[in-house]
Amino acid sequence: MTTPVAIEVRNLSKRYGNGGGRSVLALDHVNLSIPKASIFGLLGPNGAGKTTLIKVLTGISDITEGDARVAGFDVRTQSMQERARIGWVAAEVILDDDFSVWENLWLQAKLQSLTDWEERAAQLLRYFSLAEVRDEKTNHLSTGMRKKLEIALALLHQPSVIFMDEPTIGLDVGTRRMLWEIVTGVRKEFGVTILLTTHYIEEADILCDHVAIIDEGRIIAEGTPSELKGRVHADIVQLETSDGLDPAAIRAIPGVQEVRPQGNEWLIRVGSSEEFLPRLFAAIPTERIRRISVEKPSLETVFLDLTGKRIGAEEPMGDIRKFYAQIRRARG
């Protein structure tokens, strides 16, 4: 039996700029097939192409090459029908602070030309435990309550797909975990498909049914978190030395599978770090070792193994408010 698909992306590319000047290939022949009612994670560092993909899939940015369908509609030719079926949750909580909780829902309904929305809004407030603060100004709410309200706004018009772009960035650990529970509950309660972008390894591992790792505009690996971690049958040792070493000296140590030199830094793939480290210390004087770390199989080691670098922390988009305003106008 074929699994219904919510988002289908085929050979999709996005290039900024034109032939007359400098151009940037932000997305490079991306292919994705995201099942309905799933939580799909797009994991990658800053500048990898995550937000660009959301801009393309929501119709904010044109497709340069390839095709995409969201909620059954062609992004190029059926954009109005598609936009009526998608929701959006921004990296930052962006609400109208001078409005109450209920007035924010009213404004969202007006932007989307909804009728008979009040009962749906009241149900959402009860679901998110916000009914008691419906008349409170949103700037009086906690960050967690504001995030819940923003998700309620995204659900008001009963979308079938919700895009969440770095929804927990900048939150403390407790609020982040609370949002994880909410995201899982929303998928179960409302049956929506969630495409979530993140650079948090743990978030992708815990939340997502499937994960695609993106780097420099290309999907470099995809699968369930377990499948991806199963690709790395090794430990990754990162070594920094005070001066250069002969790569052959490291490769000669028993248990070494691969060595990638990067100046005075080394990425070493080994069968067992517990067995390798004593042999390393016996082969290299400890005074020459400035730093050493070990990564057991995880989504982080998958990314390290594929790219030779870590997924660094990234900041929210500088123009997130402008982007969010575009999304809201486009859906209205």
C-alpha atoms as a PDB file:
ATOM      1  CA  MET A   1       0.000   0.000   0.000  1.00  0.00           C
ATOM      2  CA  THR A   2       1.393   3.383  -1.034  1.00  0.00           C
ATOM      3  CA  THR A   3       1.824   5.958   1.734  1.00  0.00           C
ATOM      4  CA  PRO A   4       0.040   9.251   0.927  1.00  0.00           C
ATOM      5  CA  VAL A   5       2.474  12.093   0.317  1.00  0.00           C
ATOM      6  CA  ALA A   6       2.035  15.638   1.670  1.00  0.00           C
ATOM      7  CA  ILE A   7       5.097  17.293   0.110  1.00  0.00           C
ATOM      8  CA  GLU A   8       6.794  16.144  -3.087  1.00  0.00           C
ATOM      9  CA  VAL A   9       9.977  17.861  -4.316  1.00  0.00           C
ATOM     10  CA  ARG A  10      11.678  16.818  -7.543  1.00  0.00           C
ATOM     11  CA  ASN A  11      15.063  18.117  -8.780  1.00  0.00           C
ATOM     12  CA  LEU A  12      14.337  21.481  -7.210  1.00  0.00           C
ATOM     13  CA  SER A  13      16.985  24.182  -7.555  1.00  0.00           C
ATOM     14  CA  LYS A  14      17.023  27.830  -6.502  1.00  0.00           C
ATOM     15  CA  ARG A  15      19.571  30.298  -7.790  1.00  0.00           C
ATOM     16  CA  TYR A  16      19.812  33.895  -6.614  1.00  0.00           C
ATOM     17  CA  GLY A  17      21.237  36.451  -9.031  1.00  0.00           C
ATOM     18  CA  ASN A  18      21.385  36.314 -12.809  1.00  0.00           C
ATOM     19  CA  GLY A  19      23.737  35.449 -15.595  1.00  0.00           C
ATOM     20  CA  GLY A  20      25.056  39.012 -15.823  1.00  0.00           C
ATOM     21  CA  GLY A  21      26.550  39.057 -12.341  1.00  0.00           C
ATOM     22  CA  ARG A  22      27.404  36.914  -9.364  1.00  0.00           C
ATOM     23  CA  SER A  23      24.844  34.210  -8.655  1.00  0.00           C
ATOM     24  CA  VAL A  24      24.420  31.819  -5.731  1.00  0.00           C
ATOM     25  CA  LEU A  25      23.020  28.304  -5.998  1.00  0.00           C
ATOM     26  CA  ALA A  26      21.082  28.085  -2.736  1.00  0.00           C
ATOM     27  CA  LEU A  27      19.331  24.789  -3.522  1.00  0.00           C
ATOM     28  CA  ASP A  28      20.926  22.173  -5.742  1.00  0.00           C
ATOM     29  CA  HIS A  29      18.536  19.569  -7.246  1.00  0.00           C
ATOM     30  CA  VAL A  30      16.737  18.739  -4.003  1.00  0.00           C
ATOM     31  CA  ASN A  31      14.497  15.662  -3.916  1.00  0.00           C
ATOM     32  CA  LEU A  32      12.115  14.955  -1.031  1.00  0.00           C
ATOM     33  CA  SER A  33       8.982  12.903  -0.481  1.00  0.00           C
ATOM     34  CA  ILE A  34       7.316  13.659   2.847  1.00  0.00           C
ATOM     35  CA  PRO A  35       4.466  11.384   4.027  1.00  0.00           C
ATOM     36  CA  LYS A  36       1.206  12.813   5.310  1.00  0.00           C
ATOM     37  CA  ALA A  37       0.792  13.248   9.081  1.00  0.00           C
ATOM     38  CA  SER A  38       4.536  12.912   9.683  1.00  0.00           C
ATOM     39  CA  ILE A  39       7.102  15.144  11.360  1.00  0.00           C
ATOM     40  CA  PHE A  40       9.910  15.625   8.863  1.00  0.00           C
ATOM     41  CA  GLY A  41      13.130  17.304   9.956  1.00  0.00           C
ATOM     42  CA  LEU A  42      15.452  19.324   7.753  1.00  0.00           C
ATOM     43  CA  LEU A  43      18.751  19.398   9.638  1.00  0.00           C
ATOM     44  CA  GLY A  44      21.704  21.562   8.662  1.00  0.00           C
ATOM     45  CA  PRO A  45      23.936  24.508   9.555  1.00  0.00           C
ATOM     46  CA  ASN A  46      23.385  28.193   8.890  1.00  0.00           C
ATOM     47  CA  GLY A  47      23.300  28.894   5.165  1.00  0.00           C
ATOM     48  CA  ALA A  48      22.624  25.279   4.215  1.00  0.00           C
ATOM     49  CA  GLY A  49      19.410  26.139   2.366  1.00  0.00           C
ATOM     50  CA  LYS A  50      16.745  25.254   4.949  1.00  0.00           C
ATOM     51  CA  THR A  51      14.923  28.591   4.977  1.00  0.00           C
ATOM     52  CA  THR A  52      15.323  28.958   1.211  1.00  0.00           C
ATOM     53  CA  LEU A  53      13.504  25.666   0.746  1.00  0.00           C
ATOM     54  CA  ILE A  54      10.627  26.868   2.936  1.00  0.00           C
ATOM     55  CA  LYS A  55      10.470  30.141   0.979  1.00  0.00           C
ATOM     56  CA  VAL A  56      10.200  28.174  -2.252  1.00  0.00           C
ATOM     57  CA  LEU A  57       7.635  25.708  -0.922  1.00  0.00           C
ATOM     58  CA  THR A  58       5.429  28.485   0.451  1.00  0.00           C
ATOM     59  CA  GLY A  59       5.561  30.483  -2.780  1.00  0.00           C
ATOM     60  CA  ILE A  60       7.516  33.402  -1.316  1.00  0.00           C
ATOM     61  CA  SER A  61      10.423  32.689  -3.674  1.00  0.00           C
ATOM     62  CA  ASP A  62      10.265  31.397  -7.245  1.00  0.00           C
ATOM     63  CA  ILE A  63      11.605  28.015  -8.285  1.00  0.00           C
ATOM     64  CA  THR A  64      14.583  28.216 -10.646  1.00  0.00           C
ATOM     65  CA  GLU A  65      14.393  24.614 -11.769  1.00  0.00           C
ATOM     66  CA  GLY A  66      12.410  21.511 -10.861  1.00  0.00           C
ATOM     67  CA  ASP A  67       8.948  20.963  -9.401  1.00  0.00           C
ATOM     68  CA  ALA A  68       7.218  20.834  -6.031  1.00  0.00           C
ATOM     69  CA  ARG A  69       3.771  19.907  -4.776  1.00  0.00           C
ATOM     70  CA  VAL A  70       2.470  20.766  -1.309  1.00  0.00           C
ATOM     71  CA  ALA A  71      -0.824  19.434   0.057  1.00  0.00           C
ATOM     72  CA  GLY A  72      -1.589  18.101  -3.413  1.00  0.00           C
ATOM     73  CA  PHE A  73      -1.105  21.415  -5.234  1.00  0.00           C
ATOM     74  CA  ASP A  74       1.596  22.482  -7.677  1.00  0.00           C
ATOM     75  CA  VAL A  75       3.631  25.268  -6.085  1.00  0.00           C
ATOM     76  CA  ARG A  76       4.136  27.010  -9.433  1.00  0.00           C
ATOM     77  CA  THR A  77       0.639  26.864 -10.932  1.00  0.00           C
ATOM     78  CA  GLN A  78      -1.708  26.403  -7.953  1.00  0.00           C
ATOM     79  CA  SER A  79      -0.137  28.723  -5.420  1.00  0.00           C
ATOM     80  CA  MET A  80      -3.406  30.182  -4.099  1.00  0.00           C
ATOM     81  CA  GLN A  81      -4.894  26.750  -3.425  1.00  0.00           C
ATOM     82  CA  GLU A  82      -1.664  25.636  -1.779  1.00  0.00           C
ATOM     83  CA  ARG A  83      -1.403  28.668   0.480  1.00  0.00           C
ATOM     84  CA  ALA A  84      -4.906  28.020   1.792  1.00  0.00           C
ATOM     85  CA  ARG A  85      -3.707  24.626   3.060  1.00  0.00           C
ATOM     86  CA  ILE A  86      -0.461  25.576   4.791  1.00  0.00           C
ATOM     87  CA  GLY A  87       0.430  27.075   8.159  1.00  0.00           C
ATOM     88  CA  TRP A  88       3.603  28.747   9.350  1.00  0.00           C
ATOM     89  CA  VAL A  89       5.474  29.045  12.652  1.00  0.00           C
ATOM     90  CA  ALA A  90       8.419  31.446  12.642  1.00  0.00           C
ATOM     91  CA  ALA A  91      11.800  31.183  14.337  1.00  0.00           C
ATOM     92  CA  GLU A  92      10.888  34.112  16.558  1.00  0.00           C
ATOM     93  CA  VAL A  93       7.565  34.574  18.305  1.00  0.00           C
ATOM     94  CA  ILE A  94       6.028  37.388  16.285  1.00  0.00           C
ATOM     95  CA  LEU A  95       2.626  38.513  17.497  1.00  0.00           C
ATOM     96  CA  ASP A  96       0.797  41.821  17.676  1.00  0.00           C
ATOM     97  CA  ASP A  97       1.768  42.756  21.232  1.00  0.00           C
ATOM     98  CA  ASP A  98      -0.806  45.532  21.563  1.00  0.00           C
ATOM     99  CA  PHE A  99      -3.552  42.993  20.898  1.00  0.00           C
ATOM    100  CA  SER A 100      -4.978  40.439  23.285  1.00  0.00           C
ATOM    101  CA  VAL A 101      -4.754  36.711  22.659  1.00  0.00           C
ATOM    102  CA  TRP A 102      -8.267  36.711  21.193  1.00  0.00           C
ATOM    103  CA  GLU A 103      -7.597  39.803  19.087  1.00  0.00           C
ATOM    104  CA  ASN A 104      -4.565  38.089  17.554  1.00  0.00           C
ATOM    105  CA  LEU A 105      -6.812  35.215  16.536  1.00  0.00           C
ATOM    106  CA  TRP A 106      -9.349  37.709  15.158  1.00  0.00           C
ATOM    107  CA  LEU A 107      -6.635  39.407  13.097  1.00  0.00           C
ATOM    108  CA  GLN A 108      -5.461  36.070  11.722  1.00  0.00           C
ATOM    109  CA  ALA A 109      -9.020  35.221  10.734  1.00  0.00           C
ATOM    110  CA  LYS A 110      -9.364  38.583   8.951  1.00  0.00           C
ATOM    111  CA  LEU A 111      -6.071  38.110   7.088  1.00  0.00           C
ATOM    112  CA  GLN A 112      -7.280  34.736   5.836  1.00  0.00           C
ATOM    113  CA  SER A 113     -10.884  35.824   5.186  1.00  0.00           C
ATOM    114  CA  LEU A 114     -12.226  33.174   7.545  1.00  0.00           C
ATOM    115  CA  THR A 115     -15.864  33.021   8.581  1.00  0.00           C
ATOM    116  CA  ASP A 116     -17.293  31.117  11.560  1.00  0.00           C
ATOM    117  CA  TRP A 117     -13.831  30.943  13.056  1.00  0.00           C
ATOM    118  CA  GLU A 118     -14.747  31.712  16.685  1.00  0.00           C
ATOM    119  CA  GLU A 119     -15.598  28.151  17.701  1.00  0.00           C
ATOM    120  CA  ARG A 120     -12.386  26.842  16.167  1.00  0.00           C
ATOM    121  CA  ALA A 121     -10.401  29.578  17.958  1.00  0.00           C
ATOM    122  CA  ALA A 122     -12.008  28.747  21.303  1.00  0.00           C
ATOM    123  CA  GLN A 123     -11.201  25.061  20.823  1.00  0.00           C
ATOM    124  CA  LEU A 124      -7.570  25.892  20.082  1.00  0.00           C
ATOM    125  CA  LEU A 125      -7.296  28.083  23.185  1.00  0.00           C
ATOM    126  CA  ARG A 126      -8.638  25.242  25.306  1.00  0.00           C
ATOM    127  CA  TYR A 127      -6.280  22.748  23.679  1.00  0.00           C
ATOM    128  CA  PHE A 128      -3.243  24.955  24.336  1.00  0.00           C
ATOM    129  CA  SER A 129      -4.412  25.899  27.873  1.00  0.00           C
ATOM    130  CA  LEU A 130      -4.749  29.553  26.856  1.00  0.00           C
ATOM    131  CA  ALA A 131      -8.475  30.032  27.468  1.00  0.00           C
ATOM    132  CA  GLU A 132      -7.924  31.760  30.809  1.00  0.00           C
ATOM    133  CA  VAL A 133      -5.674  34.404  29.219  1.00  0.00           C
ATOM    134  CA  ARG A 134      -7.739  35.085  26.086  1.00  0.00           C
ATOM    135  CA  ASP A 135      -8.191  38.753  27.090  1.00  0.00           C
ATOM    136  CA  GLU A 136      -4.558  39.293  28.143  1.00  0.00           C
ATOM    137  CA  LYS A 137      -2.227  41.396  25.993  1.00  0.00           C
ATOM    138  CA  THR A 138       0.269  39.071  24.370  1.00  0.00           C
ATOM    139  CA  ASN A 139       3.235  41.051  25.653  1.00  0.00           C
ATOM    140  CA  HIS A 140       2.219  39.938  29.167  1.00  0.00           C
ATOM    141  CA  LEU A 141       2.524  36.250  28.313  1.00  0.00           C
ATOM    142  CA  SER A 142       5.486  33.972  28.927  1.00  0.00           C
ATOM    143  CA  THR A 143       7.603  32.882  25.967  1.00  0.00           C
ATOM    144  CA  GLY A 144       6.118  29.403  26.109  1.00  0.00           C
ATOM    145  CA  MET A 145       2.546  30.748  26.042  1.00  0.00           C
ATOM    146  CA  ARG A 146       3.403  33.059  23.143  1.00  0.00           C
ATOM    147  CA  LYS A 147       4.809  30.130  21.167  1.00  0.00           C
ATOM    148  CA  LYS A 148       1.638  28.143  21.844  1.00  0.00           C
ATOM    149  CA  LEU A 149      -0.456  31.060  20.609  1.00  0.00           C
ATOM    150  CA  GLU A 150       1.571  31.282  17.420  1.00  0.00           C
ATOM    151  CA  ILE A 151       0.977  27.582  16.759  1.00  0.00           C
ATOM    152  CA  ALA A 152      -2.732  28.164  17.415  1.00  0.00           C
ATOM    153  CA  LEU A 153      -2.696  30.937  14.782  1.00  0.00           C
ATOM    154  CA  ALA A 154      -1.073  28.564  12.310  1.00  0.00           C
ATOM    155  CA  LEU A 155      -3.824  25.985  12.949  1.00  0.00           C
ATOM    156  CA  LEU A 156      -6.770  28.386  12.838  1.00  0.00           C
ATOM    157  CA  HIS A 157      -7.640  27.798   9.171  1.00  0.00           C
ATOM    158  CA  GLN A 158      -7.232  24.003   9.513  1.00  0.00           C
ATOM    159  CA  PRO A 159      -4.155  23.537   7.308  1.00  0.00           C
ATOM    160  CA  SER A 160      -2.917  20.113   6.265  1.00  0.00           C
ATOM    161  CA  VAL A 161       0.770  21.133   6.275  1.00  0.00           C
ATOM    162  CA  ILE A 162       2.618  23.343   8.768  1.00  0.00           C
ATOM    163  CA  PHE A 163       6.118  24.716   8.204  1.00  0.00           C
ATOM    164  CA  MET A 164       8.124  25.321  11.374  1.00  0.00           C
ATOM    165  CA  ASP A 165      11.371  27.192  10.739  1.00  0.00           C
ATOM    166  CA  GLU A 166      13.712  26.822  13.744  1.00  0.00           C
ATOM    167  CA  PRO A 167      10.710  26.977  16.137  1.00  0.00           C
ATOM    168  CA  THR A 168      12.754  26.494  19.322  1.00  0.00           C
ATOM    169  CA  ILE A 169      15.800  28.644  18.551  1.00  0.00           C
ATOM    170  CA  GLY A 170      16.844  30.826  21.472  1.00  0.00           C
ATOM    171  CA  LEU A 171      14.545  29.106  23.981  1.00  0.00           C
ATOM    172  CA  ASP A 172      15.752  27.760  27.309  1.00  0.00           C
ATOM    173  CA  VAL A 173      15.958  23.993  27.703  1.00  0.00           C
ATOM    174  CA  GLY A 174      12.705  23.684  29.658  1.00  0.00           C
ATOM    175  CA  THR A 175      10.649  25.716  27.161  1.00  0.00           C
ATOM    176  CA  ARG A 176      12.236  23.877  24.258  1.00  0.00           C
ATOM    177  CA  ARG A 177      11.226  20.499  25.662  1.00  0.00           C
ATOM    178  CA  MET A 178       7.719  21.809  26.321  1.00  0.00           C
ATOM    179  CA  LEU A 179       7.505  22.831  22.642  1.00  0.00           C
ATOM    180  CA  TRP A 180       8.659  19.352  21.612  1.00  0.00           C
ATOM    181  CA  GLU A 181       5.706  17.840  23.459  1.00  0.00           C
ATOM    182  CA  ILE A 182       3.360  20.357  21.832  1.00  0.00           C
ATOM    183  CA  VAL A 183       4.649  19.625  18.316  1.00  0.00           C
ATOM    184  CA  THR A 184       4.212  15.889  18.845  1.00  0.00           C
ATOM    185  CA  GLY A 185       0.730  16.456  20.258  1.00  0.00           C
ATOM    186  CA  VAL A 186      -0.315  18.736  17.391  1.00  0.00           C
ATOM    187  CA  ARG A 187       0.609  16.105  14.808  1.00  0.00           C
ATOM    188  CA  LYS A 188      -1.374  13.471  16.698  1.00  0.00           C
ATOM    189  CA  GLU A 189      -4.401  15.642  17.546  1.00  0.00           C
ATOM    190  CA  PHE A 190      -4.836  17.491  14.250  1.00  0.00           C
ATOM    191  CA  GLY A 191      -3.287  15.026  11.790  1.00  0.00           C
ATOM    192  CA  VAL A 192      -1.131  17.685  10.127  1.00  0.00           C
ATOM    193  CA  THR A 193       2.159  17.159   8.339  1.00  0.00           C
ATOM    194  CA  ILE A 194       4.989  19.165   9.932  1.00  0.00           C
ATOM    195  CA  LEU A 195       8.136  20.175   8.061  1.00  0.00           C
ATOM    196  CA  LEU A 196      10.537  21.373  10.728  1.00  0.00           C
ATOM    197  CA  THR A 197      13.932  22.966  10.140  1.00  0.00           C
ATOM    198  CA  THR A 198      16.493  22.826  12.913  1.00  0.00           C
ATOM    199  CA  HIS A 199      20.179  22.805  13.718  1.00  0.00           C
ATOM    200  CA  TYR A 200      19.592  21.119  17.079  1.00  0.00           C
ATOM    201  CA  ILE A 201      20.758  17.509  16.810  1.00  0.00           C
ATOM    202  CA  GLU A 202      18.717  16.315  19.795  1.00  0.00           C
ATOM    203  CA  GLU A 203      15.584  18.015  18.485  1.00  0.00           C
ATOM    204  CA  ALA A 204      15.745  16.231  15.147  1.00  0.00           C
ATOM    205  CA  ASP A 205      16.519  12.925  16.839  1.00  0.00           C
ATOM    206  CA  ILE A 206      13.625  13.095  19.315  1.00  0.00           C
ATOM    207  CA  LEU A 207      10.898  14.774  17.254  1.00  0.00           C
ATOM    208  CA  CYS A 208      11.244  13.605  13.687  1.00  0.00           C
ATOM    209  CA  ASP A 209       9.984  10.461  11.977  1.00  0.00           C
ATOM    210  CA  HIS A 210      12.393  11.163   9.105  1.00  0.00           C
ATOM    211  CA  VAL A 211      15.345  13.521   8.776  1.00  0.00           C
ATOM    212  CA  ALA A 212      17.058  14.964   5.722  1.00  0.00           C
ATOM    213  CA  ILE A 213      20.523  16.406   6.287  1.00  0.00           C
ATOM    214  CA  ILE A 214      21.183  19.425   4.068  1.00  0.00           C
ATOM    215  CA  ASP A 215      24.492  21.153   3.433  1.00  0.00           C
ATOM    216  CA  GLU A 216      25.388  23.771   0.819  1.00  0.00           C
ATOM    217  CA  GLY A 217      21.979  23.421  -0.793  1.00  0.00           C
ATOM    218  CA  ARG A 218      22.159  19.640  -1.274  1.00  0.00           C
ATOM    219  CA  ILE A 219      20.456  16.787   0.550  1.00  0.00           C
ATOM    220  CA  ILE A 220      23.385  14.612   1.566  1.00  0.00           C
ATOM    221  CA  ALA A 221      21.555  11.965   3.600  1.00  0.00           C
ATOM    222  CA  GLU A 222      17.986  11.021   4.470  1.00  0.00           C
ATOM    223  CA  GLY A 223      16.232   8.440   6.611  1.00  0.00           C
ATOM    224  CA  THR A 224      14.864   7.802  10.070  1.00  0.00           C
ATOM    225  CA  PRO A 225      17.164   8.955  12.881  1.00  0.00           C
ATOM    226  CA  SER A 226      18.007   5.307  13.575  1.00  0.00           C
ATOM    227  CA  GLU A 227      18.802   4.600   9.934  1.00  0.00           C
ATOM    228  CA  LEU A 228      21.068   7.627   9.693  1.00  0.00           C
ATOM    229  CA  LYS A 229      22.945   6.790  12.878  1.00  0.00           C
ATOM    230  CA  GLY A 230      23.324   3.234  11.623  1.00  0.00           C
ATOM    231  CA  ARG A 231      25.344   4.530   8.667  1.00  0.00           C
ATOM    232  CA  VAL A 232      28.275   5.354  10.947  1.00  0.00           C
ATOM    233  CA  HIS A 233      29.772   2.102  12.209  1.00  0.00           C
ATOM    234  CA  ALA A 234      32.569   3.940  13.941  1.00  0.00           C
ATOM    235  CA  ASP A 235      33.557   6.548  16.501  1.00  0.00           C
ATOM    236  CA  ILE A 236      34.811   9.930  15.329  1.00  0.00           C
ATOM    237  CA  VAL A 237      37.872  11.353  17.091  1.00  0.00           C
ATOM    238  CA  GLN A 238      38.709  15.025  16.611  1.00  0.00           C
ATOM    239  CA  LEU A 239      42.331  15.817  17.366  1.00  0.00           C
ATOM    240  CA  GLU A 240      44.180  19.141  17.430  1.00  0.00           C
ATOM    241  CA  THR A 241      47.961  19.151  17.730  1.00  0.00           C
ATOM    242  CA  SER A 242      50.475  21.910  18.439  1.00  0.00           C
ATOM    243  CA  ASP A 243      52.280  21.231  15.166  1.00  0.00           C
ATOM    244  CA  GLY A 244      51.890  19.201  12.015  1.00  0.00           C
ATOM    245  CA  LEU A 245      51.915  15.420  12.048  1.00  0.00           C
ATOM    246  CA  ASP A 246      52.640  12.879   9.372  1.00  0.00           C
ATOM    247  CA  PRO A 247      49.215  11.420   8.401  1.00  0.00           C
ATOM    248  CA  ALA A 248      50.900   8.083   7.873  1.00  0.00           C
ATOM    249  CA  ALA A 249      51.763   7.971  11.581  1.00  0.00           C
ATOM    250  CA  ILE A 250      48.073   8.187  12.525  1.00  0.00           C
ATOM    251  CA  ARG A 251      46.937   5.784   9.803  1.00  0.00           C
ATOM    252  CA  ALA A 252      49.436   3.246  11.110  1.00  0.00           C
ATOM    253  CA  ILE A 253      47.699   3.073  14.491  1.00  0.00           C
ATOM    254  CA  PRO A 254      45.593  -0.117  14.717  1.00  0.00           C
ATOM    255  CA  GLY A 255      41.844   0.506  14.504  1.00  0.00           C
ATOM    256  CA  VAL A 256      42.037   3.606  12.309  1.00  0.00           C
ATOM    257  CA  GLN A 257      39.624   3.484   9.372  1.00  0.00           C
ATOM    258  CA  GLU A 258      40.119   6.953   7.883  1.00  0.00           C
ATOM    259  CA  VAL A 259      42.128  10.111   8.547  1.00  0.00           C
ATOM    260  CA  ARG A 260      41.193  13.579   7.301  1.00  0.00           C
ATOM    261  CA  PRO A 261      43.895  16.193   7.988  1.00  0.00           C
ATOM    262  CA  GLN A 262      42.825  19.842   8.306  1.00  0.00           C
ATOM    263  CA  GLY A 263      46.028  21.720   9.117  1.00  0.00           C
ATOM    264  CA  ASN A 264      46.841  20.944  12.730  1.00  0.00           C
ATOM    265  CA  GLU A 265      43.408  19.402  13.208  1.00  0.00           C
ATOM    266  CA  TRP A 266      42.501  15.826  12.413  1.00  0.00           C
ATOM    267  CA  LEU A 267      39.239  13.989  11.917  1.00  0.00           C
ATOM    268  CA  ILE A 268      39.907  10.330  12.648  1.00  0.00           C
ATOM    269  CA  ARG A 269      37.390   7.537  12.097  1.00  0.00           C
ATOM    270  CA  VAL A 270      38.059   4.545  14.332  1.00  0.00           C
ATOM    271  CA  GLY A 271      36.386   1.247  15.133  1.00  0.00           C
ATOM    272  CA  SER A 272      36.518   1.802  18.897  1.00  0.00           C
ATOM    273  CA  SER A 273      37.641   4.989  20.613  1.00  0.00           C
ATOM    274  CA  GLU A 274      38.257   3.075  23.852  1.00  0.00           C
ATOM    275  CA  GLU A 275      40.852   0.928  22.083  1.00  0.00           C
ATOM    276  CA  PHE A 276      42.231   3.713  19.888  1.00  0.00           C
ATOM    277  CA  LEU A 277      42.988   6.407  22.489  1.00  0.00           C
ATOM    278  CA  PRO A 278      45.635   4.452  24.471  1.00  0.00           C
ATOM    279  CA  ARG A 279      47.342   3.595  21.177  1.00  0.00           C
ATOM    280  CA  LEU A 280      47.210   7.248  20.106  1.00  0.00           C
ATOM    281  CA  PHE A 281      48.814   8.433  23.350  1.00  0.00           C
ATOM    282  CA  ALA A 282      51.506   5.798  22.946  1.00  0.00           C
ATOM    283  CA  ALA A 283      52.255   6.928  19.394  1.00  0.00           C
ATOM    284  CA  ILE A 284      52.117  10.724  19.876  1.00  0.00           C
ATOM    285  CA  PRO A 285      53.673  12.632  22.810  1.00  0.00           C
ATOM    286  CA  THR A 286      50.923  14.127  24.951  1.00  0.00           C
ATOM    287  CA  GLU A 287      52.587  17.557  24.922  1.00  0.00           C
ATOM    288  CA  ARG A 288      51.875  17.764  21.198  1.00  0.00           C
ATOM    289  CA  ILE A 289      48.131  17.195  21.761  1.00  0.00           C
ATOM    290  CA  ARG A 290      46.206  20.434  22.365  1.00  0.00           C
ATOM    291  CA  ARG A 291      42.647  19.113  22.232  1.00  0.00           C
ATOM    292  CA  ILE A 292      40.856  15.835  21.702  1.00  0.00           C
ATOM    293  CA  SER A 293      37.189  14.867  21.612  1.00  0.00           C
ATOM    294  CA  VAL A 294      35.217  11.734  20.831  1.00  0.00           C
ATOM    295  CA  GLU A 295      31.835  11.436  19.128  1.00  0.00           C
ATOM    296  CA  LYS A 296      29.823   8.228  19.405  1.00  0.00           C
ATOM    297  CA  PRO A 297      27.361   7.401  16.587  1.00  0.00           C
ATOM    298  CA  SER A 298      24.710  10.154  16.466  1.00  0.00           C
ATOM    299  CA  LEU A 299      23.243  12.522  13.924  1.00  0.00           C
ATOM    300  CA  GLU A 300      26.208  14.783  14.736  1.00  0.00           C
ATOM    301  CA  THR A 301      28.671  12.065  13.753  1.00  0.00           C
ATOM    302  CA  VAL A 302      26.692  11.407  10.564  1.00  0.00           C
ATOM    303  CA  PHE A 303      27.145  15.064   9.620  1.00  0.00           C
ATOM    304  CA  LEU A 304      30.813  14.982  10.679  1.00  0.00           C
ATOM    305  CA  ASP A 305      31.391  11.836   8.673  1.00  0.00           C
ATOM    306  CA  LEU A 306      29.719  13.236   5.555  1.00  0.00           C
ATOM    307  CA  THR A 307      31.109  16.776   5.614  1.00  0.00           C
ATOM    308  CA  GLY A 308      34.095  16.809   7.950  1.00  0.00           C
ATOM    309  CA  LYS A 309      32.529  19.647   9.976  1.00  0.00           C
ATOM    310  CA  ARG A 310      30.021  20.201  12.741  1.00  0.00           C
ATOM    311  CA  ILE A 311      26.589  21.726  12.570  1.00  0.00           C
ATOM    312  CA  GLY A 312      27.255  25.085  14.212  1.00  0.00           C
ATOM    313  CA  ALA A 313      24.771  27.165  16.150  1.00  0.00           C
ATOM    314  CA  GLU A 314      22.925  29.625  13.990  1.00  0.00           C
ATOM    315  CA  GLU A 315      21.086  32.821  14.718  1.00  0.00           C
ATOM    316  CA  PRO A 316      17.559  33.733  13.643  1.00  0.00           C
ATOM    317  CA  MET A 317      17.219  35.394  10.269  1.00  0.00           C
ATOM    318  CA  GLY A 318      17.854  39.111  10.471  1.00  0.00           C
ATOM    319  CA  ASP A 319      14.832  39.816   8.291  1.00  0.00           C
ATOM    320  CA  ILE A 320      12.535  37.312  10.003  1.00  0.00           C
ATOM    321  CA  ARG A 321       9.862  39.922  10.707  1.00  0.00           C
ATOM    322  CA  LYS A 322       9.718  40.940   7.050  1.00  0.00           C
ATOM    323  CA  PHE A 323       9.661  37.289   5.989  1.00  0.00           C
ATOM    324  CA  TYR A 324       6.854  36.497   8.431  1.00  0.00           C
ATOM    325  CA  ALA A 325       4.824  39.455   7.203  1.00  0.00           C
ATOM    326  CA  GLN A 326       5.216  38.147   3.646  1.00  0.00           C
ATOM    327  CA  ILE A 327       3.979  34.720   4.729  1.00  0.00           C
ATOM    328  CA  ARG A 328       0.916  36.157   6.453  1.00  0.00           C
ATOM    329  CA  ARG A 329       0.010  38.334   3.452  1.00  0.00           C
ATOM    330  CA  ALA A 330       0.541  35.449   1.048  1.00  0.00           C
ATOM    331  CA  ARG A 331      -1.801  33.188   2.974  1.00  0.00           C
ATOM    332  CA  GLY A 332      -4.499  35.826   3.296  1.00  0.00           C
END
